[in-house]
Amino acid sequence: MKKLLIAPLAVAALALAGFVPSASGTATVQNDDMTTVAATAKCKSLTALSNVNVRKSASTKSTVLRLWYKGTKGCDIKGVDGGSYKNACGIKSYHYWRKVNYRGTVGYVPNVCVKYS
């Protein structure tokens, strides 16, 4: 009976981690961006300074993927130069963004809205 329960739990754990089983029975990465997977493995912890939108690309015109709540932690992947933003987290105007992983969502936030923790 225990063996019957282990397989579904293992598949569910792999799916939550971003892996899916292939026909050969090995796990493969869903995302083609291997640097994102590698960078997430060695997480540099960030804390949101206010509620901030996690966006699909480094632009205020980009799609919002989710909200990152003030005081909660996520992982830094890398810094990027992107579109300008105004009045973000108390800064009048700036253009530097962080590529982050917040609770499984990989996206971009204004650099001034997060701090290393």
C-alpha atoms as a PDB file:
ATOM      1  CA  MET A   1       0.000   0.000   0.000  1.00  0.00           C
ATOM      2  CA  LYS A   2       2.814   2.440   0.850  1.00  0.00           C
ATOM      3  CA  LYS A   3       4.423   1.960  -2.574  1.00  0.00           C
ATOM      4  CA  LEU A   4       1.181   3.029  -4.247  1.00  0.00           C
ATOM      5  CA  LEU A   5       1.193   6.325  -2.349  1.00  0.00           C
ATOM      6  CA  ILE A   6       4.851   7.226  -2.931  1.00  0.00           C
ATOM      7  CA  ALA A   7       4.730   7.518  -6.749  1.00  0.00           C
ATOM      8  CA  PRO A   8       1.912  10.124  -6.901  1.00  0.00           C
ATOM      9  CA  LEU A   9       3.562  12.134  -4.130  1.00  0.00           C
ATOM     10  CA  ALA A  10       6.908  12.080  -5.958  1.00  0.00           C
ATOM     11  CA  VAL A  11       5.284  13.242  -9.203  1.00  0.00           C
ATOM     12  CA  ALA A  12       3.460  16.037  -7.352  1.00  0.00           C
ATOM     13  CA  ALA A  13       6.694  17.174  -5.660  1.00  0.00           C
ATOM     14  CA  LEU A  14       8.523  17.245  -8.992  1.00  0.00           C
ATOM     15  CA  ALA A  15       5.693  19.225 -10.599  1.00  0.00           C
ATOM     16  CA  LEU A  16       5.791  21.809  -7.795  1.00  0.00           C
ATOM     17  CA  ALA A  17       9.552  22.135  -8.257  1.00  0.00           C
ATOM     18  CA  GLY A  18       9.110  22.830 -11.990  1.00  0.00           C
ATOM     19  CA  PHE A  19       9.984  19.371 -13.239  1.00  0.00           C
ATOM     20  CA  VAL A  20       7.764  16.969 -15.127  1.00  0.00           C
ATOM     21  CA  PRO A  21       8.308  13.278 -15.762  1.00  0.00           C
ATOM     22  CA  SER A  22       9.104  12.366 -19.364  1.00  0.00           C
ATOM     23  CA  ALA A  23       8.171   9.192 -21.240  1.00  0.00           C
ATOM     24  CA  SER A  24      11.555   7.682 -20.303  1.00  0.00           C
ATOM     25  CA  GLY A  25      10.745   8.120 -16.609  1.00  0.00           C
ATOM     26  CA  THR A  26      13.341  10.823 -15.943  1.00  0.00           C
ATOM     27  CA  ALA A  27      12.468  14.352 -14.872  1.00  0.00           C
ATOM     28  CA  THR A  28      12.972  17.211 -17.307  1.00  0.00           C
ATOM     29  CA  VAL A  29      12.885  20.963 -16.752  1.00  0.00           C
ATOM     30  CA  GLN A  30       9.760  22.707 -18.069  1.00  0.00           C
ATOM     31  CA  ASN A  31      11.536  26.046 -18.504  1.00  0.00           C
ATOM     32  CA  ASP A  32      14.172  26.374 -21.250  1.00  0.00           C
ATOM     33  CA  ASP A  33      16.053  29.019 -19.277  1.00  0.00           C
ATOM     34  CA  MET A  34      18.580  26.855 -17.399  1.00  0.00           C
ATOM     35  CA  THR A  35      20.255  29.926 -15.887  1.00  0.00           C
ATOM     36  CA  THR A  36      16.989  30.704 -14.094  1.00  0.00           C
ATOM     37  CA  VAL A  37      16.854  27.204 -12.610  1.00  0.00           C
ATOM     38  CA  ALA A  38      20.530  27.332 -11.600  1.00  0.00           C
ATOM     39  CA  ALA A  39      20.235  30.829 -10.152  1.00  0.00           C
ATOM     40  CA  THR A  40      17.153  29.888  -8.152  1.00  0.00           C
ATOM     41  CA  ALA A  41      19.027  26.937  -6.633  1.00  0.00           C
ATOM     42  CA  LYS A  42      21.507  29.350  -5.032  1.00  0.00           C
ATOM     43  CA  CYS A  43      19.014  31.924  -3.820  1.00  0.00           C
ATOM     44  CA  LYS A  44      20.064  35.360  -2.621  1.00  0.00           C
ATOM     45  CA  SER A  45      17.151  36.338  -0.420  1.00  0.00           C
ATOM     46  CA  LEU A  46      15.285  39.596  -1.139  1.00  0.00           C
ATOM     47  CA  THR A  47      12.553  41.280   0.897  1.00  0.00           C
ATOM     48  CA  ALA A  48       9.890  43.523  -0.671  1.00  0.00           C
ATOM     49  CA  LEU A  49       9.911  47.055   0.758  1.00  0.00           C
ATOM     50  CA  SER A  50       6.279  47.594  -0.278  1.00  0.00           C
ATOM     51  CA  ASN A  51       3.623  45.702  -2.223  1.00  0.00           C
ATOM     52  CA  VAL A  52       5.071  45.448  -5.724  1.00  0.00           C
ATOM     53  CA  ASN A  53       3.951  43.948  -9.044  1.00  0.00           C
ATOM     54  CA  VAL A  54       6.047  41.073 -10.418  1.00  0.00           C
ATOM     55  CA  ARG A  55       6.039  41.629 -14.196  1.00  0.00           C
ATOM     56  CA  LYS A  56       6.683  39.430 -17.226  1.00  0.00           C
ATOM     57  CA  SER A  57       9.463  41.734 -18.495  1.00  0.00           C
ATOM     58  CA  ALA A  58      11.408  44.724 -17.162  1.00  0.00           C
ATOM     59  CA  SER A  59       8.825  47.337 -18.139  1.00  0.00           C
ATOM     60  CA  THR A  60       5.867  48.999 -16.448  1.00  0.00           C
ATOM     61  CA  LYS A  61       3.868  48.221 -19.616  1.00  0.00           C
ATOM     62  CA  SER A  62       4.524  44.496 -19.184  1.00  0.00           C
ATOM     63  CA  THR A  63       1.919  42.034 -17.926  1.00  0.00           C
ATOM     64  CA  VAL A  64       1.619  41.742 -14.140  1.00  0.00           C
ATOM     65  CA  LEU A  65       2.165  38.102 -13.125  1.00  0.00           C
ATOM     66  CA  ARG A  66       1.391  38.486  -9.412  1.00  0.00           C
ATOM     67  CA  LEU A  67       1.684  40.795  -6.419  1.00  0.00           C
ATOM     68  CA  TRP A  68       4.694  40.513  -4.100  1.00  0.00           C
ATOM     69  CA  TYR A  69       3.605  41.500  -0.598  1.00  0.00           C
ATOM     70  CA  LYS A  70       5.543  43.914   1.595  1.00  0.00           C
ATOM     71  CA  GLY A  71       7.882  42.199   4.050  1.00  0.00           C
ATOM     72  CA  THR A  72       7.810  38.791   2.348  1.00  0.00           C
ATOM     73  CA  LYS A  73      10.873  37.130   0.851  1.00  0.00           C
ATOM     74  CA  GLY A  74      11.799  35.972  -2.626  1.00  0.00           C
ATOM     75  CA  CYS A  75      14.946  35.015  -4.534  1.00  0.00           C
ATOM     76  CA  ASP A  76      17.179  37.307  -6.570  1.00  0.00           C
ATOM     77  CA  ILE A  77      18.212  35.931  -9.964  1.00  0.00           C
ATOM     78  CA  LYS A  78      19.961  38.897 -11.589  1.00  0.00           C
ATOM     79  CA  GLY A  79      19.828  42.629 -12.184  1.00  0.00           C
ATOM     80  CA  VAL A  80      18.766  44.033 -15.540  1.00  0.00           C
ATOM     81  CA  ASP A  81      18.562  47.434 -17.164  1.00  0.00           C
ATOM     82  CA  GLY A  82      15.018  47.943 -18.405  1.00  0.00           C
ATOM     83  CA  GLY A  83      12.257  50.420 -18.949  1.00  0.00           C
ATOM     84  CA  SER A  84      11.994  53.522 -16.785  1.00  0.00           C
ATOM     85  CA  TYR A  85       9.604  53.607 -13.871  1.00  0.00           C
ATOM     86  CA  LYS A  86       8.359  56.598 -11.944  1.00  0.00           C
ATOM     87  CA  ASN A  87       7.250  56.970  -8.335  1.00  0.00           C
ATOM     88  CA  ALA A  88       8.134  53.391  -7.427  1.00  0.00           C
ATOM     89  CA  CYS A  89       8.772  52.801  -3.721  1.00  0.00           C
ATOM     90  CA  GLY A  90       9.528  56.456  -3.044  1.00  0.00           C
ATOM     91  CA  ILE A  91      11.966  56.975  -5.964  1.00  0.00           C
ATOM     92  CA  LYS A  92      10.956  59.591  -8.555  1.00  0.00           C
ATOM     93  CA  SER A  93      12.470  57.876 -11.603  1.00  0.00           C
ATOM     94  CA  TYR A  94      14.828  54.956 -12.247  1.00  0.00           C
ATOM     95  CA  HIS A  95      15.391  52.150 -14.765  1.00  0.00           C
ATOM     96  CA  TYR A  96      17.099  49.221 -13.029  1.00  0.00           C
ATOM     97  CA  TRP A  97      15.122  46.018 -12.353  1.00  0.00           C
ATOM     98  CA  ARG A  98      15.690  42.699 -10.550  1.00  0.00           C
ATOM     99  CA  LYS A  99      14.787  39.383 -12.111  1.00  0.00           C
ATOM    100  CA  VAL A 100      13.306  37.445  -9.189  1.00  0.00           C
ATOM    101  CA  ASN A 101      11.587  34.244  -8.178  1.00  0.00           C
ATOM    102  CA  TYR A 102       8.735  35.007  -5.806  1.00  0.00           C
ATOM    103  CA  ARG A 103       6.857  31.902  -4.623  1.00  0.00           C
ATOM    104  CA  GLY A 104       7.500  30.099  -7.905  1.00  0.00           C
ATOM    105  CA  THR A 105       6.761  33.055 -10.196  1.00  0.00           C
ATOM    106  CA  VAL A 106       9.798  34.290 -12.141  1.00  0.00           C
ATOM    107  CA  GLY A 107       9.518  37.910 -13.217  1.00  0.00           C
ATOM    108  CA  TYR A 108      10.824  41.443 -12.802  1.00  0.00           C
ATOM    109  CA  VAL A 109      10.416  44.077 -10.078  1.00  0.00           C
ATOM    110  CA  PRO A 110      11.831  47.608  -9.735  1.00  0.00           C
ATOM    111  CA  ASN A 111      15.234  47.398  -8.068  1.00  0.00           C
ATOM    112  CA  VAL A 112      14.337  50.097  -5.535  1.00  0.00           C
ATOM    113  CA  CYS A 113      11.375  48.081  -4.200  1.00  0.00           C
ATOM    114  CA  VAL A 114      13.447  45.195  -2.797  1.00  0.00           C
ATOM    115  CA  LYS A 115      16.433  44.805  -0.485  1.00  0.00           C
ATOM    116  CA  TYR A 116      18.780  41.942   0.290  1.00  0.00           C
ATOM    117  CA  SER A 117      17.809  40.192   3.502  1.00  0.00           C
END
